Amino acid sequence: MKPEQLETERTLILIKPDAIQRGLSGQILARFEKKGLKIVGLKMMHLKEAILREHYAHVVDRPFYEELAQFMSSSPVFAVCLEGQGAVDLVRRISGTSPDEFGTIRGDYSVSVQKNLVHSSDSPETAAREIERFFESHELFDYRKEEWKHVYAECDA
């Protein structure tokens, strides 16, 4: 299959402060790359109050929000836009949902439900909003990933 023929989607991950502080950023990013996902945007940033309130609008009124906001602003994060076939679901499976889910990033490296190393978009619609929240259009790159001809088969499309 030719790389330009793939129907791909984009998704967002945030490599959180605990991963940065524990020196796990490279290992986390490598898991996505090893699965064949393409990095189309990557930047390190401090999350300010406004972006935290927007990103966590669904829990801003919950009692744990302040602790969450303090944690997410305690250190820089890496915002990463990934692309590939079924990227949203694939990234969610690689990330995992629980520290008890061995073989996933959270299962292999975290013990806390809140300090769980990585955020990943939960749907294509959410991914589109989150990518726009964290990246300007000029910060995202379109390029041909030759490796994809060795990752995907025509019958997978």
N, C-alpha and C. Protein backbone atom coordinates (compact mmCIF):
# COMPACT_ATOMS: atom_id res chain seq x y z
N MET A 1 0.84 -1.18 0.00
CA MET A 1 0.00 0.00 0.00
C MET A 1 0.88 1.24 0.00
N LYS A 2 0.54 2.18 -0.83
CA LYS A 2 1.28 3.42 -0.89
C LYS A 2 0.88 4.31 0.29
N PRO A 3 1.86 4.94 0.96
CA PRO A 3 1.55 5.76 2.12
C PRO A 3 0.50 6.84 1.84
N GLU A 4 0.51 7.41 0.64
CA GLU A 4 -0.46 8.49 0.35
C GLU A 4 -1.89 7.96 0.17
N GLN A 5 -2.07 6.65 0.08
CA GLN A 5 -3.40 6.07 -0.08
C GLN A 5 -4.07 5.73 1.25
N LEU A 6 -3.35 5.84 2.34
CA LEU A 6 -3.89 5.49 3.65
C LEU A 6 -4.93 6.50 4.11
N GLU A 7 -5.99 5.99 4.72
CA GLU A 7 -6.94 6.87 5.39
C GLU A 7 -6.50 6.94 6.84
N THR A 8 -5.96 8.07 7.20
CA THR A 8 -5.41 8.23 8.54
C THR A 8 -6.21 9.25 9.33
N GLU A 9 -5.97 9.24 10.62
CA GLU A 9 -6.55 10.27 11.48
C GLU A 9 -5.47 10.73 12.44
N ARG A 10 -5.73 11.87 13.04
CA ARG A 10 -4.79 12.45 13.99
C ARG A 10 -5.38 12.41 15.38
N THR A 11 -4.49 12.34 16.35
CA THR A 11 -4.90 12.37 17.74
C THR A 11 -3.85 13.10 18.56
N LEU A 12 -4.20 13.42 19.79
CA LEU A 12 -3.31 14.16 20.67
C LEU A 12 -2.96 13.33 21.88
N ILE A 13 -1.70 13.41 22.28
CA ILE A 13 -1.31 12.94 23.60
C ILE A 13 -0.62 14.08 24.32
N LEU A 14 -0.72 14.07 25.62
CA LEU A 14 0.07 14.94 26.48
C LEU A 14 0.93 14.02 27.34
N ILE A 15 2.22 14.20 27.26
CA ILE A 15 3.12 13.49 28.16
C ILE A 15 3.21 14.37 29.40
N LYS A 16 2.63 13.88 30.48
CA LYS A 16 2.35 14.68 31.67
C LYS A 16 3.59 14.94 32.54
N PRO A 17 3.45 15.86 33.51
CA PRO A 17 4.58 16.22 34.38
C PRO A 17 5.24 15.03 35.08
N ASP A 18 4.48 14.03 35.49
CA ASP A 18 5.11 12.91 36.18
C ASP A 18 6.03 12.14 35.25
N ALA A 19 5.66 12.01 33.99
CA ALA A 19 6.52 11.35 33.02
C ALA A 19 7.78 12.17 32.75
N ILE A 20 7.63 13.48 32.66
CA ILE A 20 8.77 14.37 32.45
C ILE A 20 9.74 14.24 33.63
N GLN A 21 9.20 14.35 34.84
CA GLN A 21 10.04 14.30 36.03
C GLN A 21 10.71 12.95 36.23
N ARG A 22 10.06 11.89 35.82
CA ARG A 22 10.61 10.54 36.00
C ARG A 22 11.49 10.09 34.83
N GLY A 23 11.65 10.95 33.82
CA GLY A 23 12.51 10.63 32.69
C GLY A 23 11.95 9.55 31.79
N LEU A 24 10.63 9.51 31.64
CA LEU A 24 9.98 8.48 30.84
C LEU A 24 9.49 8.98 29.48
N SER A 25 9.71 10.25 29.18
CA SER A 25 9.17 10.83 27.94
C SER A 25 9.61 10.07 26.70
N GLY A 26 10.88 9.79 26.60
CA GLY A 26 11.40 9.08 25.42
C GLY A 26 10.83 7.69 25.28
N GLN A 27 10.72 6.97 26.40
CA GLN A 27 10.16 5.61 26.35
C GLN A 27 8.69 5.64 25.94
N ILE A 28 7.97 6.63 26.45
CA ILE A 28 6.55 6.75 26.11
C ILE A 28 6.40 7.07 24.62
N LEU A 29 7.12 8.05 24.15
CA LEU A 29 7.05 8.43 22.74
C LEU A 29 7.47 7.27 21.84
N ALA A 30 8.47 6.53 22.26
CA ALA A 30 8.96 5.40 21.47
C ALA A 30 7.89 4.33 21.28
N ARG A 31 7.03 4.13 22.26
CA ARG A 31 5.97 3.12 22.11
C ARG A 31 5.05 3.45 20.94
N PHE A 32 4.73 4.72 20.80
CA PHE A 32 3.85 5.12 19.70
C PHE A 32 4.57 5.02 18.36
N GLU A 33 5.83 5.43 18.33
CA GLU A 33 6.60 5.33 17.09
C GLU A 33 6.81 3.88 16.68
N LYS A 34 7.10 3.03 17.63
CA LYS A 34 7.33 1.61 17.32
C LYS A 34 6.08 0.94 16.76
N LYS A 35 4.93 1.46 17.08
CA LYS A 35 3.67 0.92 16.56
C LYS A 35 3.38 1.44 15.15
N GLY A 36 4.21 2.37 14.66
CA GLY A 36 4.05 2.88 13.31
C GLY A 36 3.36 4.22 13.20
N LEU A 37 3.02 4.83 14.34
CA LEU A 37 2.38 6.15 14.30
C LEU A 37 3.40 7.22 13.91
N LYS A 38 2.93 8.21 13.20
CA LYS A 38 3.76 9.30 12.72
C LYS A 38 3.59 10.51 13.63
N ILE A 39 4.70 11.08 14.07
CA ILE A 39 4.66 12.32 14.85
C ILE A 39 4.53 13.47 13.87
N VAL A 40 3.44 14.22 13.97
CA VAL A 40 3.24 15.37 13.07
C VAL A 40 3.31 16.70 13.80
N GLY A 41 3.38 16.64 15.13
CA GLY A 41 3.55 17.84 15.94
C GLY A 41 4.09 17.45 17.30
N LEU A 42 5.03 18.24 17.80
CA LEU A 42 5.65 17.95 19.09
C LEU A 42 6.17 19.25 19.68
N LYS A 43 5.75 19.54 20.90
CA LYS A 43 6.31 20.72 21.57
C LYS A 43 6.20 20.57 23.08
N MET A 44 7.16 21.19 23.75
CA MET A 44 7.16 21.22 25.20
C MET A 44 6.56 22.55 25.62
N MET A 45 5.71 22.49 26.64
CA MET A 45 5.05 23.71 27.06
C MET A 45 4.61 23.63 28.51
N HIS A 46 4.49 24.81 29.14
CA HIS A 46 3.87 24.91 30.46
C HIS A 46 2.38 25.16 30.24
N LEU A 47 1.55 24.44 30.94
CA LEU A 47 0.10 24.64 30.81
C LEU A 47 -0.36 25.74 31.76
N LYS A 48 -0.90 26.78 31.21
CA LYS A 48 -1.40 27.92 31.99
C LYS A 48 -2.86 27.68 32.38
N GLU A 49 -3.32 28.50 33.31
CA GLU A 49 -4.68 28.39 33.85
C GLU A 49 -5.76 28.31 32.76
N ALA A 50 -5.69 29.18 31.77
CA ALA A 50 -6.73 29.23 30.74
C ALA A 50 -6.82 27.92 29.96
N ILE A 51 -5.69 27.38 29.55
CA ILE A 51 -5.72 26.14 28.77
C ILE A 51 -6.14 24.96 29.65
N LEU A 52 -5.75 24.98 30.93
CA LEU A 52 -6.17 23.92 31.85
C LEU A 52 -7.69 23.94 32.05
N ARG A 53 -8.24 25.13 32.23
CA ARG A 53 -9.70 25.23 32.42
C ARG A 53 -10.44 24.78 31.17
N GLU A 54 -9.92 25.10 30.01
CA GLU A 54 -10.56 24.67 28.77
C GLU A 54 -10.42 23.16 28.58
N HIS A 55 -9.22 22.64 28.79
CA HIS A 55 -8.97 21.22 28.57
C HIS A 55 -9.74 20.35 29.57
N TYR A 56 -9.86 20.82 30.79
CA TYR A 56 -10.54 20.05 31.83
C TYR A 56 -11.91 20.65 32.19
N ALA A 57 -12.54 21.29 31.22
CA ALA A 57 -13.85 21.93 31.46
C ALA A 57 -14.88 20.93 32.01
N HIS A 58 -14.77 19.69 31.62
CA HIS A 58 -15.73 18.66 32.05
C HIS A 58 -15.58 18.30 33.53
N VAL A 59 -14.48 18.70 34.18
CA VAL A 59 -14.29 18.40 35.61
C VAL A 59 -13.92 19.63 36.43
N VAL A 60 -13.99 20.81 35.83
CA VAL A 60 -13.54 22.02 36.52
C VAL A 60 -14.32 22.28 37.81
N ASP A 61 -15.54 21.81 37.92
CA ASP A 61 -16.35 22.01 39.12
C ASP A 61 -16.23 20.87 40.13
N ARG A 62 -15.44 19.86 39.81
CA ARG A 62 -15.28 18.71 40.70
C ARG A 62 -14.25 19.02 41.79
N PRO A 63 -14.38 18.39 42.96
CA PRO A 63 -13.47 18.69 44.08
C PRO A 63 -11.99 18.44 43.77
N PHE A 64 -11.68 17.54 42.88
CA PHE A 64 -10.28 17.20 42.60
C PHE A 64 -9.63 18.09 41.55
N TYR A 65 -10.40 19.02 40.95
CA TYR A 65 -9.85 19.83 39.87
C TYR A 65 -8.62 20.63 40.29
N GLU A 66 -8.66 21.27 41.45
CA GLU A 66 -7.53 22.11 41.88
C GLU A 66 -6.24 21.29 41.99
N GLU A 67 -6.34 20.09 42.56
CA GLU A 67 -5.16 19.23 42.66
C GLU A 67 -4.67 18.84 41.26
N LEU A 68 -5.62 18.53 40.38
CA LEU A 68 -5.28 18.17 39.01
C LEU A 68 -4.59 19.34 38.30
N ALA A 69 -5.14 20.53 38.44
CA ALA A 69 -4.55 21.71 37.80
C ALA A 69 -3.15 22.00 38.35
N GLN A 70 -2.98 21.86 39.65
CA GLN A 70 -1.65 22.06 40.24
C GLN A 70 -0.65 21.05 39.69
N PHE A 71 -1.08 19.79 39.60
CA PHE A 71 -0.22 18.74 39.06
C PHE A 71 0.15 19.02 37.61
N MET A 72 -0.83 19.35 36.78
CA MET A 72 -0.59 19.54 35.35
C MET A 72 0.23 20.80 35.05
N SER A 73 0.29 21.73 36.01
CA SER A 73 1.10 22.93 35.81
C SER A 73 2.40 22.88 36.61
N SER A 74 2.69 21.76 37.25
CA SER A 74 3.87 21.64 38.11
C SER A 74 5.18 21.49 37.34
N SER A 75 5.09 21.17 36.08
CA SER A 75 6.26 20.91 35.25
C SER A 75 5.80 21.05 33.80
N PRO A 76 6.71 21.24 32.86
CA PRO A 76 6.27 21.26 31.46
C PRO A 76 5.67 19.91 31.06
N VAL A 77 4.93 19.93 29.97
CA VAL A 77 4.41 18.71 29.36
C VAL A 77 4.88 18.71 27.90
N PHE A 78 4.83 17.54 27.28
CA PHE A 78 4.99 17.46 25.84
C PHE A 78 3.61 17.30 25.24
N ALA A 79 3.24 18.17 24.33
CA ALA A 79 2.03 18.00 23.52
C ALA A 79 2.49 17.35 22.23
N VAL A 80 1.83 16.25 21.86
CA VAL A 80 2.24 15.48 20.69
C VAL A 80 1.01 15.17 19.84
N CYS A 81 1.11 15.48 18.56
CA CYS A 81 0.06 15.11 17.62
C CYS A 81 0.59 13.91 16.82
N LEU A 82 -0.17 12.83 16.86
CA LEU A 82 0.20 11.59 16.18
C LEU A 82 -0.78 11.31 15.05
N GLU A 83 -0.31 10.64 14.01
CA GLU A 83 -1.16 10.31 12.87
C GLU A 83 -0.96 8.84 12.49
N GLY A 84 -2.05 8.21 12.08
CA GLY A 84 -1.99 6.84 11.60
C GLY A 84 -3.39 6.30 11.39
N GLN A 85 -3.48 5.11 10.86
CA GLN A 85 -4.78 4.47 10.69
C GLN A 85 -5.36 4.16 12.07
N GLY A 86 -6.59 4.59 12.32
CA GLY A 86 -7.23 4.33 13.60
C GLY A 86 -6.43 4.84 14.78
N ALA A 87 -5.78 5.99 14.60
CA ALA A 87 -4.85 6.51 15.60
C ALA A 87 -5.48 6.71 16.97
N VAL A 88 -6.71 7.21 17.02
CA VAL A 88 -7.33 7.49 18.32
C VAL A 88 -7.44 6.21 19.15
N ASP A 89 -8.04 5.18 18.58
CA ASP A 89 -8.20 3.92 19.32
C ASP A 89 -6.87 3.26 19.61
N LEU A 90 -5.97 3.29 18.66
CA LEU A 90 -4.66 2.68 18.84
C LEU A 90 -3.90 3.34 19.99
N VAL A 91 -3.89 4.65 20.02
CA VAL A 91 -3.21 5.39 21.08
C VAL A 91 -3.85 5.09 22.43
N ARG A 92 -5.17 4.99 22.47
CA ARG A 92 -5.85 4.67 23.73
C ARG A 92 -5.46 3.28 24.23
N ARG A 93 -5.34 2.33 23.32
CA ARG A 93 -4.93 0.97 23.72
C ARG A 93 -3.49 0.95 24.22
N ILE A 94 -2.61 1.69 23.56
CA ILE A 94 -1.21 1.75 23.99
C ILE A 94 -1.10 2.45 25.35
N SER A 95 -1.87 3.52 25.54
CA SER A 95 -1.84 4.28 26.80
C SER A 95 -2.43 3.49 27.95
N GLY A 96 -3.53 2.78 27.69
CA GLY A 96 -4.22 2.07 28.75
C GLY A 96 -5.12 3.01 29.52
N THR A 97 -5.89 2.43 30.42
CA THR A 97 -6.82 3.23 31.21
C THR A 97 -6.57 3.12 32.71
N SER A 98 -5.69 2.21 33.12
CA SER A 98 -5.53 1.92 34.54
C SER A 98 -4.10 1.48 34.84
N PRO A 99 -3.63 1.77 36.05
CA PRO A 99 -2.31 1.29 36.44
C PRO A 99 -2.27 -0.24 36.61
N ASP A 100 -3.42 -0.88 36.57
CA ASP A 100 -3.50 -2.34 36.69
C ASP A 100 -3.43 -3.05 35.34
N GLU A 101 -3.39 -2.29 34.26
CA GLU A 101 -3.47 -2.83 32.90
C GLU A 101 -2.06 -3.01 32.32
N PHE A 102 -1.38 -4.08 32.73
CA PHE A 102 -0.01 -4.30 32.30
C PHE A 102 0.09 -4.47 30.79
N GLY A 103 1.21 -4.05 30.24
CA GLY A 103 1.41 -4.05 28.80
C GLY A 103 1.04 -2.72 28.17
N THR A 104 0.52 -1.80 28.97
CA THR A 104 0.20 -0.45 28.51
C THR A 104 1.14 0.53 29.21
N ILE A 105 1.18 1.76 28.74
CA ILE A 105 2.01 2.77 29.39
C ILE A 105 1.60 2.95 30.84
N ARG A 106 0.33 3.13 31.08
CA ARG A 106 -0.13 3.34 32.46
C ARG A 106 0.08 2.09 33.31
N GLY A 107 -0.15 0.93 32.74
CA GLY A 107 0.02 -0.30 33.50
C GLY A 107 1.47 -0.61 33.81
N ASP A 108 2.35 -0.25 32.91
CA ASP A 108 3.77 -0.57 33.11
C ASP A 108 4.51 0.46 33.95
N TYR A 109 4.06 1.73 33.94
CA TYR A 109 4.85 2.76 34.59
C TYR A 109 4.14 3.55 35.69
N SER A 110 2.82 3.47 35.81
CA SER A 110 2.15 4.29 36.82
C SER A 110 1.52 3.43 37.91
N VAL A 111 1.30 4.06 39.06
CA VAL A 111 0.60 3.40 40.17
C VAL A 111 -0.62 4.22 40.60
N SER A 112 -0.74 5.43 40.08
CA SER A 112 -1.81 6.35 40.47
C SER A 112 -2.82 6.50 39.34
N VAL A 113 -4.07 6.64 39.70
CA VAL A 113 -5.12 6.88 38.71
C VAL A 113 -4.98 8.29 38.14
N GLN A 114 -4.62 9.27 38.97
CA GLN A 114 -4.50 10.65 38.50
C GLN A 114 -3.13 10.94 37.90
N LYS A 115 -2.09 10.48 38.53
CA LYS A 115 -0.73 10.71 38.01
C LYS A 115 -0.40 9.52 37.12
N ASN A 116 -0.94 9.58 35.91
CA ASN A 116 -0.92 8.41 35.02
C ASN A 116 -0.14 8.63 33.74
N LEU A 117 0.78 9.57 33.77
CA LEU A 117 1.82 9.77 32.76
C LEU A 117 1.39 10.35 31.42
N VAL A 118 0.22 9.98 30.92
CA VAL A 118 -0.13 10.38 29.56
C VAL A 118 -1.63 10.62 29.43
N HIS A 119 -1.96 11.66 28.70
CA HIS A 119 -3.36 11.91 28.31
C HIS A 119 -3.49 11.53 26.85
N SER A 120 -4.61 10.93 26.48
CA SER A 120 -4.87 10.66 25.07
C SER A 120 -6.32 10.99 24.76
N SER A 121 -6.54 11.55 23.59
CA SER A 121 -7.90 11.91 23.14
C SER A 121 -8.77 10.67 23.10
N ASP A 122 -10.06 10.84 23.44
CA ASP A 122 -10.95 9.68 23.54
C ASP A 122 -11.84 9.45 22.32
N SER A 123 -11.81 10.34 21.36
CA SER A 123 -12.60 10.16 20.13
C SER A 123 -12.01 11.04 19.04
N PRO A 124 -12.31 10.76 17.79
CA PRO A 124 -11.82 11.62 16.71
C PRO A 124 -12.28 13.07 16.85
N GLU A 125 -13.50 13.27 17.34
CA GLU A 125 -14.03 14.62 17.52
C GLU A 125 -13.26 15.37 18.62
N THR A 126 -13.03 14.67 19.74
CA THR A 126 -12.26 15.27 20.83
C THR A 126 -10.84 15.55 20.36
N ALA A 127 -10.26 14.61 19.62
CA ALA A 127 -8.89 14.79 19.12
C ALA A 127 -8.78 16.06 18.28
N ALA A 128 -9.74 16.29 17.41
CA ALA A 128 -9.70 17.48 16.55
C ALA A 128 -9.71 18.76 17.40
N ARG A 129 -10.58 18.80 18.42
CA ARG A 129 -10.64 19.97 19.31
C ARG A 129 -9.35 20.13 20.11
N GLU A 130 -8.82 19.01 20.61
CA GLU A 130 -7.62 19.09 21.44
C GLU A 130 -6.39 19.47 20.61
N ILE A 131 -6.29 18.95 19.42
CA ILE A 131 -5.16 19.32 18.55
C ILE A 131 -5.20 20.82 18.28
N GLU A 132 -6.37 21.34 17.99
CA GLU A 132 -6.52 22.78 17.74
C GLU A 132 -6.20 23.59 19.00
N ARG A 133 -6.50 23.04 20.16
CA ARG A 133 -6.23 23.72 21.43
C ARG A 133 -4.73 23.85 21.69
N PHE A 134 -3.97 22.83 21.33
CA PHE A 134 -2.56 22.79 21.68
C PHE A 134 -1.60 23.15 20.55
N PHE A 135 -2.10 23.16 19.32
CA PHE A 135 -1.21 23.44 18.18
C PHE A 135 -1.81 24.48 17.24
N GLU A 136 -0.97 25.37 16.75
CA GLU A 136 -1.32 26.25 15.64
C GLU A 136 -1.15 25.41 14.37
N SER A 137 -1.84 25.75 13.31
CA SER A 137 -1.77 24.95 12.08
C SER A 137 -0.33 24.86 11.55
N HIS A 138 0.46 25.93 11.69
CA HIS A 138 1.84 25.90 11.18
C HIS A 138 2.77 25.02 12.02
N GLU A 139 2.30 24.54 13.16
CA GLU A 139 3.11 23.67 14.02
C GLU A 139 2.90 22.18 13.72
N LEU A 140 2.01 21.90 12.78
CA LEU A 140 1.72 20.52 12.38
C LEU A 140 2.30 20.28 10.99
N PHE A 141 2.86 19.12 10.78
CA PHE A 141 3.59 18.84 9.56
C PHE A 141 2.99 17.68 8.79
N ASP A 142 2.86 17.87 7.48
CA ASP A 142 2.47 16.80 6.56
C ASP A 142 3.74 16.34 5.86
N TYR A 143 4.02 15.08 5.95
CA TYR A 143 5.18 14.53 5.25
C TYR A 143 4.93 13.06 5.00
N ARG A 144 5.62 12.56 4.04
CA ARG A 144 5.47 11.16 3.65
C ARG A 144 6.27 10.27 4.60
N LYS A 145 5.64 9.28 5.16
CA LYS A 145 6.30 8.33 6.05
C LYS A 145 6.49 7.03 5.29
N GLU A 146 7.65 6.85 4.73
CA GLU A 146 7.95 5.68 3.89
C GLU A 146 7.75 4.37 4.64
N GLU A 147 7.99 4.40 5.94
CA GLU A 147 7.83 3.20 6.75
C GLU A 147 6.44 2.59 6.64
N TRP A 148 5.44 3.42 6.37
CA TRP A 148 4.07 2.91 6.35
C TRP A 148 3.87 1.80 5.34
N LYS A 149 4.63 1.77 4.27
CA LYS A 149 4.47 0.68 3.31
C LYS A 149 4.92 -0.64 3.92
N HIS A 150 5.64 -0.58 5.03
CA HIS A 150 6.07 -1.77 5.74
C HIS A 150 5.24 -2.02 6.99
N VAL A 151 4.30 -1.15 7.27
CA VAL A 151 3.45 -1.27 8.46
C VAL A 151 2.03 -1.70 8.08
N TYR A 152 1.47 -1.08 7.05
CA TYR A 152 0.10 -1.32 6.65
C TYR A 152 0.03 -2.16 5.39
N ALA A 153 -1.03 -2.95 5.26
CA ALA A 153 -1.29 -3.72 4.05
C ALA A 153 -2.58 -3.22 3.44
N GLU A 154 -2.75 -3.41 2.13
CA GLU A 154 -3.97 -2.96 1.46
C GLU A 154 -5.22 -3.55 2.10
N CYS A 155 -5.15 -4.79 2.57
CA CYS A 155 -6.33 -5.40 3.17
C CYS A 155 -6.67 -4.78 4.53
N ASP A 156 -5.76 -3.97 5.10
CA ASP A 156 -6.04 -3.30 6.36
C ASP A 156 -6.84 -2.01 6.16
N ALA A 157 -6.86 -1.50 4.95
CA ALA A 157 -7.50 -0.20 4.68
C ALA A 157 -9.00 -0.30 4.78
